[in-house]
Amino acid sequence: MKTAVEWFASKQYDLARRIYKIDIIKDTKYYEELNDILRQALDLEKQQILDARLDGFKNSAEGWNGEYPFEGITDYYISLDIKNDDYYNETFKSE
């Protein structure tokens, strides 16, 4: 499954190729700049997805059924326990 940012990037590459007759990969400067922007957008999107999953877990009955106290455990440790990064990689791993 592609994330919205990955989908947008692929459309952007296609558009540049068709309309501007630019082969982005051969135009190194343009490619590097676009890739840097894409990497930043993907990092932001990933963090938003993981934060939403964590919030959903904490707000569900599953999150607070006695496993986790309301105070004293940080989001970092809950994210590790619910394997947030594994979830992202399995669900949104770039193809």
PDB file of N, CA and C in Angstrom:
ATOM      1  N   MET A   1       0.846  -1.171   0.000  1.00  0.00           N
ATOM      2  CA  MET A   1       0.000   0.000   0.000  1.00  0.00           C
ATOM      3  C   MET A   1       0.894   1.237   0.000  1.00  0.00           C
ATOM      4  N   LYS A   2       0.549   2.208  -0.822  1.00  0.00           N
ATOM      5  CA  LYS A   2       1.293   3.464  -0.854  1.00  0.00           C
ATOM      6  C   LYS A   2       0.670   4.460   0.102  1.00  0.00           C
ATOM      7  N   THR A   3       1.522   5.278   0.684  1.00  0.00           N
ATOM      8  CA  THR A   3       1.001   6.389   1.470  1.00  0.00           C
ATOM      9  C   THR A   3       0.611   7.500   0.505  1.00  0.00           C
ATOM     10  N   ALA A   4      -0.092   8.497   0.999  1.00  0.00           N
ATOM     11  CA  ALA A   4      -0.510   9.620   0.155  1.00  0.00           C
ATOM     12  C   ALA A   4       0.703  10.359  -0.411  1.00  0.00           C
ATOM     13  N   VAL A   5       1.743  10.511   0.379  1.00  0.00           N
ATOM     14  CA  VAL A   5       2.944  11.217  -0.072  1.00  0.00           C
ATOM     15  C   VAL A   5       3.642  10.426  -1.178  1.00  0.00           C
ATOM     16  N   GLU A   6       3.726   9.108  -1.037  1.00  0.00           N
ATOM     17  CA  GLU A   6       4.357   8.292  -2.084  1.00  0.00           C
ATOM     18  C   GLU A   6       3.557   8.366  -3.378  1.00  0.00           C
ATOM     19  N   TRP A   7       2.235   8.330  -3.275  1.00  0.00           N
ATOM     20  CA  TRP A   7       1.379   8.447  -4.454  1.00  0.00           C
ATOM     21  C   TRP A   7       1.608   9.792  -5.139  1.00  0.00           C
ATOM     22  N   PHE A   8       1.613  10.867  -4.341  1.00  0.00           N
ATOM     23  CA  PHE A   8       1.814  12.201  -4.881  1.00  0.00           C
ATOM     24  C   PHE A   8       3.175  12.313  -5.579  1.00  0.00           C
ATOM     25  N   ALA A   9       4.196  11.773  -4.972  1.00  0.00           N
ATOM     26  CA  ALA A   9       5.545  11.842  -5.561  1.00  0.00           C
ATOM     27  C   ALA A   9       5.586  11.125  -6.899  1.00  0.00           C
ATOM     28  N   SER A  10       4.963   9.959  -7.000  1.00  0.00           N
ATOM     29  CA  SER A  10       4.987   9.228  -8.266  1.00  0.00           C
ATOM     30  C   SER A  10       4.258  10.014  -9.353  1.00  0.00           C
ATOM     31  N   LYS A  11       3.167  10.678  -8.993  1.00  0.00           N
ATOM     32  CA  LYS A  11       2.437  11.512  -9.959  1.00  0.00           C
ATOM     33  C   LYS A  11       3.267  12.719 -10.362  1.00  0.00           C
ATOM     34  N   GLN A  12       3.998  13.275  -9.423  1.00  0.00           N
ATOM     35  CA  GLN A  12       4.857  14.426  -9.709  1.00  0.00           C
ATOM     36  C   GLN A  12       5.964  14.053 -10.687  1.00  0.00           C
ATOM     37  N   TYR A  13       6.574  12.893 -10.475  1.00  0.00           N
ATOM     38  CA  TYR A  13       7.616  12.429 -11.395  1.00  0.00           C
ATOM     39  C   TYR A  13       7.037  12.234 -12.795  1.00  0.00           C
ATOM     40  N   ASP A  14       5.864  11.610 -12.874  1.00  0.00           N
ATOM     41  CA  ASP A  14       5.217  11.391 -14.175  1.00  0.00           C
ATOM     42  C   ASP A  14       4.896  12.711 -14.861  1.00  0.00           C
ATOM     43  N   LEU A  15       4.385  13.666 -14.094  1.00  0.00           N
ATOM     44  CA  LEU A  15       4.028  14.971 -14.641  1.00  0.00           C
ATOM     45  C   LEU A  15       5.263  15.680 -15.192  1.00  0.00           C
ATOM     46  N   ALA A  16       6.339  15.669 -14.453  1.00  0.00           N
ATOM     47  CA  ALA A  16       7.580  16.317 -14.907  1.00  0.00           C
ATOM     48  C   ALA A  16       8.084  15.660 -16.184  1.00  0.00           C
ATOM     49  N   ARG A  17       7.974  14.356 -16.237  1.00  0.00           N
ATOM     50  CA  ARG A  17       8.426  13.622 -17.420  1.00  0.00           C
ATOM     51  C   ARG A  17       7.578  13.971 -18.639  1.00  0.00           C
ATOM     52  N   ARG A  18       6.260  14.038 -18.461  1.00  0.00           N
ATOM     53  CA  ARG A  18       5.354  14.278 -19.589  1.00  0.00           C
ATOM     54  C   ARG A  18       5.317  15.734 -20.031  1.00  0.00           C
ATOM     55  N   ILE A  19       5.109  16.630 -19.089  1.00  0.00           N
ATOM     56  CA  ILE A  19       4.888  18.028 -19.444  1.00  0.00           C
ATOM     57  C   ILE A  19       6.196  18.773 -19.687  1.00  0.00           C
ATOM     58  N   TYR A  20       7.122  18.617 -18.795  1.00  0.00           N
ATOM     59  CA  TYR A  20       8.352  19.396 -18.880  1.00  0.00           C
ATOM     60  C   TYR A  20       9.474  18.654 -19.595  1.00  0.00           C
ATOM     61  N   LYS A  21       9.181  17.434 -19.989  1.00  0.00           N
ATOM     62  CA  LYS A  21      10.170  16.606 -20.703  1.00  0.00           C
ATOM     63  C   LYS A  21      11.463  16.483 -19.909  1.00  0.00           C
ATOM     64  N   ILE A  22      11.305  16.376 -18.599  1.00  0.00           N
ATOM     65  CA  ILE A  22      12.461  16.231 -17.710  1.00  0.00           C
ATOM     66  C   ILE A  22      12.524  14.785 -17.246  1.00  0.00           C
ATOM     67  N   ASP A  23      13.672  14.164 -17.426  1.00  0.00           N
ATOM     68  CA  ASP A  23      13.891  12.868 -16.802  1.00  0.00           C
ATOM     69  C   ASP A  23      14.517  13.165 -15.449  1.00  0.00           C
ATOM     70  N   ILE A  24      13.680  13.133 -14.446  1.00  0.00           N
ATOM     71  CA  ILE A  24      14.094  13.581 -13.118  1.00  0.00           C
ATOM     72  C   ILE A  24      15.354  12.875 -12.638  1.00  0.00           C
ATOM     73  N   ILE A  25      15.454  11.605 -12.918  1.00  0.00           N
ATOM     74  CA  ILE A  25      16.608  10.858 -12.431  1.00  0.00           C
ATOM     75  C   ILE A  25      17.893  11.339 -13.101  1.00  0.00           C
ATOM     76  N   LYS A  26      17.823  11.752 -14.370  1.00  0.00           N
ATOM     77  CA  LYS A  26      19.023  12.237 -15.060  1.00  0.00           C
ATOM     78  C   LYS A  26      19.357  13.681 -14.681  1.00  0.00           C
ATOM     79  N   ASP A  27      18.353  14.460 -14.287  1.00  0.00           N
ATOM     80  CA  ASP A  27      18.580  15.838 -13.850  1.00  0.00           C
ATOM     81  C   ASP A  27      18.913  15.796 -12.356  1.00  0.00           C
ATOM     82  N   THR A  28      20.175  15.583 -12.045  1.00  0.00           N
ATOM     83  CA  THR A  28      20.626  15.288 -10.695  1.00  0.00           C
ATOM     84  C   THR A  28      20.221  16.346  -9.677  1.00  0.00           C
ATOM     85  N   LYS A  29      20.393  17.627 -10.005  1.00  0.00           N
ATOM     86  CA  LYS A  29      20.080  18.681  -9.042  1.00  0.00           C
ATOM     87  C   LYS A  29      18.583  18.672  -8.717  1.00  0.00           C
ATOM     88  N   TYR A  30      17.751  18.615  -9.736  1.00  0.00           N
ATOM     89  CA  TYR A  30      16.305  18.593  -9.527  1.00  0.00           C
ATOM     90  C   TYR A  30      15.910  17.353  -8.740  1.00  0.00           C
ATOM     91  N   TYR A  31      16.496  16.219  -9.095  1.00  0.00           N
ATOM     92  CA  TYR A  31      16.196  14.951  -8.416  1.00  0.00           C
ATOM     93  C   TYR A  31      16.571  15.020  -6.943  1.00  0.00           C
ATOM     94  N   GLU A  32      17.746  15.549  -6.637  1.00  0.00           N
ATOM     95  CA  GLU A  32      18.200  15.639  -5.247  1.00  0.00           C
ATOM     96  C   GLU A  32      17.295  16.554  -4.427  1.00  0.00           C
ATOM     97  N   GLU A  33      16.907  17.690  -5.014  1.00  0.00           N
ATOM     98  CA  GLU A  33      16.028  18.619  -4.301  1.00  0.00           C
ATOM     99  C   GLU A  33      14.657  17.995  -4.060  1.00  0.00           C
ATOM    100  N   LEU A  34      14.093  17.383  -5.087  1.00  0.00           N
ATOM    101  CA  LEU A  34      12.780  16.759  -4.960  1.00  0.00           C
ATOM    102  C   LEU A  34      12.831  15.582  -3.991  1.00  0.00           C
ATOM    103  N   ASN A  35      13.892  14.820  -4.049  1.00  0.00           N
ATOM    104  CA  ASN A  35      14.047  13.680  -3.140  1.00  0.00           C
ATOM    105  C   ASN A  35      14.159  14.137  -1.686  1.00  0.00           C
ATOM    106  N   ASP A  36      14.852  15.236  -1.453  1.00  0.00           N
ATOM    107  CA  ASP A  36      14.976  15.773  -0.100  1.00  0.00           C
ATOM    108  C   ASP A  36      13.607  16.210   0.438  1.00  0.00           C
ATOM    109  N   ILE A  37      12.846  16.902  -0.392  1.00  0.00           N
ATOM    110  CA  ILE A  37      11.498  17.326  -0.001  1.00  0.00           C
ATOM    111  C   ILE A  37      10.617  16.106   0.241  1.00  0.00           C
ATOM    112  N   LEU A  38      10.705  15.124  -0.633  1.00  0.00           N
ATOM    113  CA  LEU A  38       9.912  13.898  -0.478  1.00  0.00           C
ATOM    114  C   LEU A  38      10.273  13.176   0.819  1.00  0.00           C
ATOM    115  N   ARG A  39      11.552  13.062   1.135  1.00  0.00           N
ATOM    116  CA  ARG A  39      11.989  12.385   2.356  1.00  0.00           C
ATOM    117  C   ARG A  39      11.424  13.091   3.599  1.00  0.00           C
ATOM    118  N   GLN A  40      11.470  14.415   3.589  1.00  0.00           N
ATOM    119  CA  GLN A  40      10.917  15.167   4.712  1.00  0.00           C
ATOM    120  C   GLN A  40       9.411  14.937   4.844  1.00  0.00           C
ATOM    121  N   ALA A  41       8.714  14.963   3.713  1.00  0.00           N
ATOM    122  CA  ALA A  41       7.261  14.743   3.734  1.00  0.00           C
ATOM    123  C   ALA A  41       6.925  13.333   4.209  1.00  0.00           C
ATOM    124  N   LEU A  42       7.696  12.345   3.769  1.00  0.00           N
ATOM    125  CA  LEU A  42       7.466  10.963   4.210  1.00  0.00           C
ATOM    126  C   LEU A  42       7.716  10.804   5.706  1.00  0.00           C
ATOM    127  N   ASP A  43       8.751  11.457   6.214  1.00  0.00           N
ATOM    128  CA  ASP A  43       9.036  11.398   7.649  1.00  0.00           C
ATOM    129  C   ASP A  43       7.902  12.021   8.461  1.00  0.00           C
ATOM    130  N   LEU A  44       7.400  13.171   8.003  1.00  0.00           N
ATOM    131  CA  LEU A  44       6.280  13.816   8.685  1.00  0.00           C
ATOM    132  C   LEU A  44       5.029  12.947   8.638  1.00  0.00           C
ATOM    133  N   GLU A  45       4.753  12.377   7.466  1.00  0.00           N
ATOM    134  CA  GLU A  45       3.573  11.530   7.323  1.00  0.00           C
ATOM    135  C   GLU A  45       3.677  10.286   8.201  1.00  0.00           C
ATOM    136  N   LYS A  46       4.852   9.679   8.240  1.00  0.00           N
ATOM    137  CA  LYS A  46       5.043   8.496   9.072  1.00  0.00           C
ATOM    138  C   LYS A  46       4.778   8.834  10.542  1.00  0.00           C
ATOM    139  N   GLN A  47       5.304   9.968  11.006  1.00  0.00           N
ATOM    140  CA  GLN A  47       5.098  10.343  12.396  1.00  0.00           C
ATOM    141  C   GLN A  47       3.625  10.596  12.683  1.00  0.00           C
ATOM    142  N   GLN A  48       2.914  11.199  11.735  1.00  0.00           N
ATOM    143  CA  GLN A  48       1.477  11.431  11.918  1.00  0.00           C
ATOM    144  C   GLN A  48       0.719  10.106  12.016  1.00  0.00           C
ATOM    145  N   ILE A  49       1.075   9.150  11.174  1.00  0.00           N
ATOM    146  CA  ILE A  49       0.418   7.841  11.197  1.00  0.00           C
ATOM    147  C   ILE A  49       0.681   7.140  12.531  1.00  0.00           C
ATOM    148  N   LEU A  50       1.936   7.155  12.976  1.00  0.00           N
ATOM    149  CA  LEU A  50       2.282   6.492  14.235  1.00  0.00           C
ATOM    150  C   LEU A  50       1.637   7.187  15.436  1.00  0.00           C
ATOM    151  N   ASP A  51       1.591   8.513  15.407  1.00  0.00           N
ATOM    152  CA  ASP A  51       0.939   9.244  16.498  1.00  0.00           C
ATOM    153  C   ASP A  51      -0.554   8.926  16.548  1.00  0.00           C
ATOM    154  N   ALA A  52      -1.190   8.854  15.382  1.00  0.00           N
ATOM    155  CA  ALA A  52      -2.621   8.539  15.337  1.00  0.00           C
ATOM    156  C   ALA A  52      -2.883   7.133  15.861  1.00  0.00           C
ATOM    157  N   ARG A  53      -2.019   6.184  15.503  1.00  0.00           N
ATOM    158  CA  ARG A  53      -2.187   4.811  15.990  1.00  0.00           C
ATOM    159  C   ARG A  53      -2.004   4.745  17.506  1.00  0.00           C
ATOM    160  N   LEU A  54      -1.008   5.438  18.001  1.00  0.00           N
ATOM    161  CA  LEU A  54      -0.766   5.481  19.446  1.00  0.00           C
ATOM    162  C   LEU A  54      -1.954   6.118  20.174  1.00  0.00           C
ATOM    163  N   ASP A  55      -2.439   7.240  19.654  1.00  0.00           N
ATOM    164  CA  ASP A  55      -3.594   7.900  20.277  1.00  0.00           C
ATOM    165  C   ASP A  55      -4.814   6.988  20.264  1.00  0.00           C
ATOM    166  N   GLY A  56      -5.030   6.297  19.159  1.00  0.00           N
ATOM    167  CA  GLY A  56      -6.152   5.367  19.079  1.00  0.00           C
ATOM    168  C   GLY A  56      -6.027   4.251  20.095  1.00  0.00           C
ATOM    169  N   PHE A  57      -4.827   3.741  20.256  1.00  0.00           N
ATOM    170  CA  PHE A  57      -4.592   2.682  21.241  1.00  0.00           C
ATOM    171  C   PHE A  57      -4.858   3.184  22.649  1.00  0.00           C
ATOM    172  N   LYS A  58      -4.328   4.370  22.953  1.00  0.00           N
ATOM    173  CA  LYS A  58      -4.490   4.914  24.297  1.00  0.00           C
ATOM    174  C   LYS A  58      -5.954   5.255  24.602  1.00  0.00           C
ATOM    175  N   ASN A  59      -6.714   5.650  23.591  1.00  0.00           N
ATOM    176  CA  ASN A  59      -8.108   6.036  23.803  1.00  0.00           C
ATOM    177  C   ASN A  59      -9.070   4.855  23.745  1.00  0.00           C
ATOM    178  N   SER A  60      -8.586   3.712  23.338  1.00  0.00           N
ATOM    179  CA  SER A  60      -9.450   2.540  23.254  1.00  0.00           C
ATOM    180  C   SER A  60      -9.457   1.796  24.591  1.00  0.00           C
ATOM    181  N   ALA A  61     -10.416   0.942  24.736  1.00  0.00           N
ATOM    182  CA  ALA A  61     -10.455   0.102  25.939  1.00  0.00           C
ATOM    183  C   ALA A  61      -9.238  -0.804  25.987  1.00  0.00           C
ATOM    184  N   GLU A  62      -8.733  -1.160  24.806  1.00  0.00           N
ATOM    185  CA  GLU A  62      -7.558  -2.033  24.739  1.00  0.00           C
ATOM    186  C   GLU A  62      -6.350  -1.376  25.395  1.00  0.00           C
ATOM    187  N   GLY A  63      -6.222  -0.070  25.215  1.00  0.00           N
ATOM    188  CA  GLY A  63      -5.051   0.623  25.735  1.00  0.00           C
ATOM    189  C   GLY A  63      -5.030   0.756  27.235  1.00  0.00           C
ATOM    190  N   TRP A  64      -6.194   0.871  27.843  1.00  0.00           N
ATOM    191  CA  TRP A  64      -6.214   1.141  29.278  1.00  0.00           C
ATOM    192  C   TRP A  64      -6.990   0.073  30.038  1.00  0.00           C
ATOM    193  N   ASN A  65      -6.805  -1.159  29.675  1.00  0.00           N
ATOM    194  CA  ASN A  65      -7.513  -2.247  30.361  1.00  0.00           C
ATOM    195  C   ASN A  65      -6.743  -2.772  31.571  1.00  0.00           C
ATOM    196  N   GLY A  66      -5.885  -1.966  32.098  1.00  0.00           N
ATOM    197  CA  GLY A  66      -5.112  -2.377  33.250  1.00  0.00           C
ATOM    198  C   GLY A  66      -3.663  -2.667  32.912  1.00  0.00           C
ATOM    199  N   GLU A  67      -3.362  -2.780  31.614  1.00  0.00           N
ATOM    200  CA  GLU A  67      -1.975  -3.034  31.221  1.00  0.00           C
ATOM    201  C   GLU A  67      -1.094  -1.822  31.471  1.00  0.00           C
ATOM    202  N   TYR A  68      -1.639  -0.636  31.206  1.00  0.00           N
ATOM    203  CA  TYR A  68      -0.854   0.583  31.299  1.00  0.00           C
ATOM    204  C   TYR A  68      -1.490   1.538  32.294  1.00  0.00           C
ATOM    205  N   PRO A  69      -0.709   2.058  33.202  1.00  0.00           N
ATOM    206  CA  PRO A  69      -1.260   3.076  34.102  1.00  0.00           C
ATOM    207  C   PRO A  69      -1.459   4.372  33.321  1.00  0.00           C
ATOM    208  N   PHE A  70      -2.345   5.216  33.788  1.00  0.00           N
ATOM    209  CA  PHE A  70      -2.563   6.487  33.110  1.00  0.00           C
ATOM    210  C   PHE A  70      -1.342   7.381  33.192  1.00  0.00           C
ATOM    211  N   GLU A  71      -0.582   7.224  34.226  1.00  0.00           N
ATOM    212  CA  GLU A  71       0.607   8.050  34.389  1.00  0.00           C
ATOM    213  C   GLU A  71       1.799   7.142  34.656  1.00  0.00           C
ATOM    214  N   GLY A  72       2.959   7.639  34.311  1.00  0.00           N
ATOM    215  CA  GLY A  72       4.168   6.920  34.653  1.00  0.00           C
ATOM    216  C   GLY A  72       4.774   6.132  33.515  1.00  0.00           C
ATOM    217  N   ILE A  73       4.061   5.981  32.430  1.00  0.00           N
ATOM    218  CA  ILE A  73       4.646   5.302  31.278  1.00  0.00           C
ATOM    219  C   ILE A  73       4.575   6.252  30.098  1.00  0.00           C
ATOM    220  N   THR A  74       5.665   6.392  29.420  1.00  0.00           N
ATOM    221  CA  THR A  74       5.715   7.365  28.338  1.00  0.00           C
ATOM    222  C   THR A  74       5.203   6.761  27.035  1.00  0.00           C
ATOM    223  N   ASP A  75       4.841   7.646  26.123  1.00  0.00           N
ATOM    224  CA  ASP A  75       4.381   7.216  24.801  1.00  0.00           C
ATOM    225  C   ASP A  75       5.442   6.375  24.093  1.00  0.00           C
ATOM    226  N   TYR A  76       6.702   6.698  24.335  1.00  0.00           N
ATOM    227  CA  TYR A  76       7.789   5.954  23.706  1.00  0.00           C
ATOM    228  C   TYR A  76       7.698   4.465  24.047  1.00  0.00           C
ATOM    229  N   TYR A  77       7.504   4.150  25.313  1.00  0.00           N
ATOM    230  CA  TYR A  77       7.461   2.744  25.732  1.00  0.00           C
ATOM    231  C   TYR A  77       6.186   2.051  25.265  1.00  0.00           C
ATOM    232  N   ILE A  78       5.088   2.785  25.240  1.00  0.00           N
ATOM    233  CA  ILE A  78       3.854   2.194  24.710  1.00  0.00           C
ATOM    234  C   ILE A  78       4.026   1.902  23.223  1.00  0.00           C
ATOM    235  N   SER A  79       4.646   2.826  22.481  1.00  0.00           N
ATOM    236  CA  SER A  79       4.891   2.618  21.049  1.00  0.00           C
ATOM    237  C   SER A  79       5.742   1.378  20.807  1.00  0.00           C
ATOM    238  N   LEU A  80       6.746   1.185  21.663  1.00  0.00           N
ATOM    239  CA  LEU A  80       7.576  -0.023  21.543  1.00  0.00           C
ATOM    240  C   LEU A  80       6.744  -1.269  21.803  1.00  0.00           C
ATOM    241  N   ASP A  81       5.906  -1.216  22.826  1.00  0.00           N
ATOM    242  CA  ASP A  81       5.108  -2.372  23.209  1.00  0.00           C
ATOM    243  C   ASP A  81       4.076  -2.748  22.146  1.00  0.00           C
ATOM    244  N   ILE A  82       3.460  -1.751  21.527  1.00  0.00           N
ATOM    245  CA  ILE A  82       2.460  -2.060  20.493  1.00  0.00           C
ATOM    246  C   ILE A  82       3.099  -2.190  19.112  1.00  0.00           C
ATOM    247  N   LYS A  83       4.428  -2.149  19.093  1.00  0.00           N
ATOM    248  CA  LYS A  83       5.207  -2.350  17.868  1.00  0.00           C
ATOM    249  C   LYS A  83       4.762  -1.399  16.755  1.00  0.00           C
ATOM    250  N   ASN A  84       4.742  -0.122  17.096  1.00  0.00           N
ATOM    251  CA  ASN A  84       4.298   0.906  16.157  1.00  0.00           C
ATOM    252  C   ASN A  84       5.124   0.909  14.876  1.00  0.00           C
ATOM    253  N   ASP A  85       6.449   0.848  14.990  1.00  0.00           N
ATOM    254  CA  ASP A  85       7.298   0.869  13.794  1.00  0.00           C
ATOM    255  C   ASP A  85       7.079  -0.370  12.932  1.00  0.00           C
ATOM    256  N   ASP A  86       6.911  -1.529  13.564  1.00  0.00           N
ATOM    257  CA  ASP A  86       6.637  -2.758  12.802  1.00  0.00           C
ATOM    258  C   ASP A  86       5.330  -2.618  12.031  1.00  0.00           C
ATOM    259  N   TYR A  87       4.307  -2.065  12.692  1.00  0.00           N
ATOM    260  CA  TYR A  87       3.018  -1.847  12.033  1.00  0.00           C
ATOM    261  C   TYR A  87       3.203  -0.985  10.791  1.00  0.00           C
ATOM    262  N   TYR A  88       3.929   0.121  10.918  1.00  0.00           N
ATOM    263  CA  TYR A  88       4.135   1.013   9.777  1.00  0.00           C
ATOM    264  C   TYR A  88       4.873   0.299   8.644  1.00  0.00           C
ATOM    265  N   ASN A  89       5.943  -0.399   8.981  1.00  0.00           N
ATOM    266  CA  ASN A  89       6.740  -1.073   7.956  1.00  0.00           C
ATOM    267  C   ASN A  89       5.946  -2.172   7.250  1.00  0.00           C
ATOM    268  N   GLU A  90       5.123  -2.896   7.984  1.00  0.00           N
ATOM    269  CA  GLU A  90       4.330  -3.957   7.378  1.00  0.00           C
ATOM    270  C   GLU A  90       3.195  -3.392   6.526  1.00  0.00           C
ATOM    271  N   THR A  91       2.642  -2.255   6.922  1.00  0.00           N
ATOM    272  CA  THR A  91       1.488  -1.703   6.241  1.00  0.00           C
ATOM    273  C   THR A  91       1.869  -0.778   5.088  1.00  0.00           C
ATOM    274  N   PHE A  92       2.904   0.020   5.270  1.00  0.00           N
ATOM    275  CA  PHE A  92       3.221   1.065   4.294  1.00  0.00           C
ATOM    276  C   PHE A  92       4.605   0.942   3.671  1.00  0.00           C
ATOM    277  N   LYS A  93       5.264  -0.175   3.834  1.00  0.00           N
ATOM    278  CA  LYS A  93       6.610  -0.346   3.280  1.00  0.00           C
ATOM    279  C   LYS A  93       6.592  -0.023   1.795  1.00  0.00           C
ATOM    280  N   SER A  94       7.489   0.838   1.359  1.00  0.00           N
ATOM    281  CA  SER A  94       7.551   1.209  -0.055  1.00  0.00           C
ATOM    282  C   SER A  94       7.817  -0.003  -0.922  1.00  0.00           C
ATOM    283  N   GLU A  95       7.111  -0.042  -2.012  1.00  0.00           N
ATOM    284  CA  GLU A  95       7.238  -1.186  -2.938  1.00  0.00           C
ATOM    285  C   GLU A  95       8.361  -0.970  -3.919  1.00  0.00           C
TER     286      GLU A  95
END
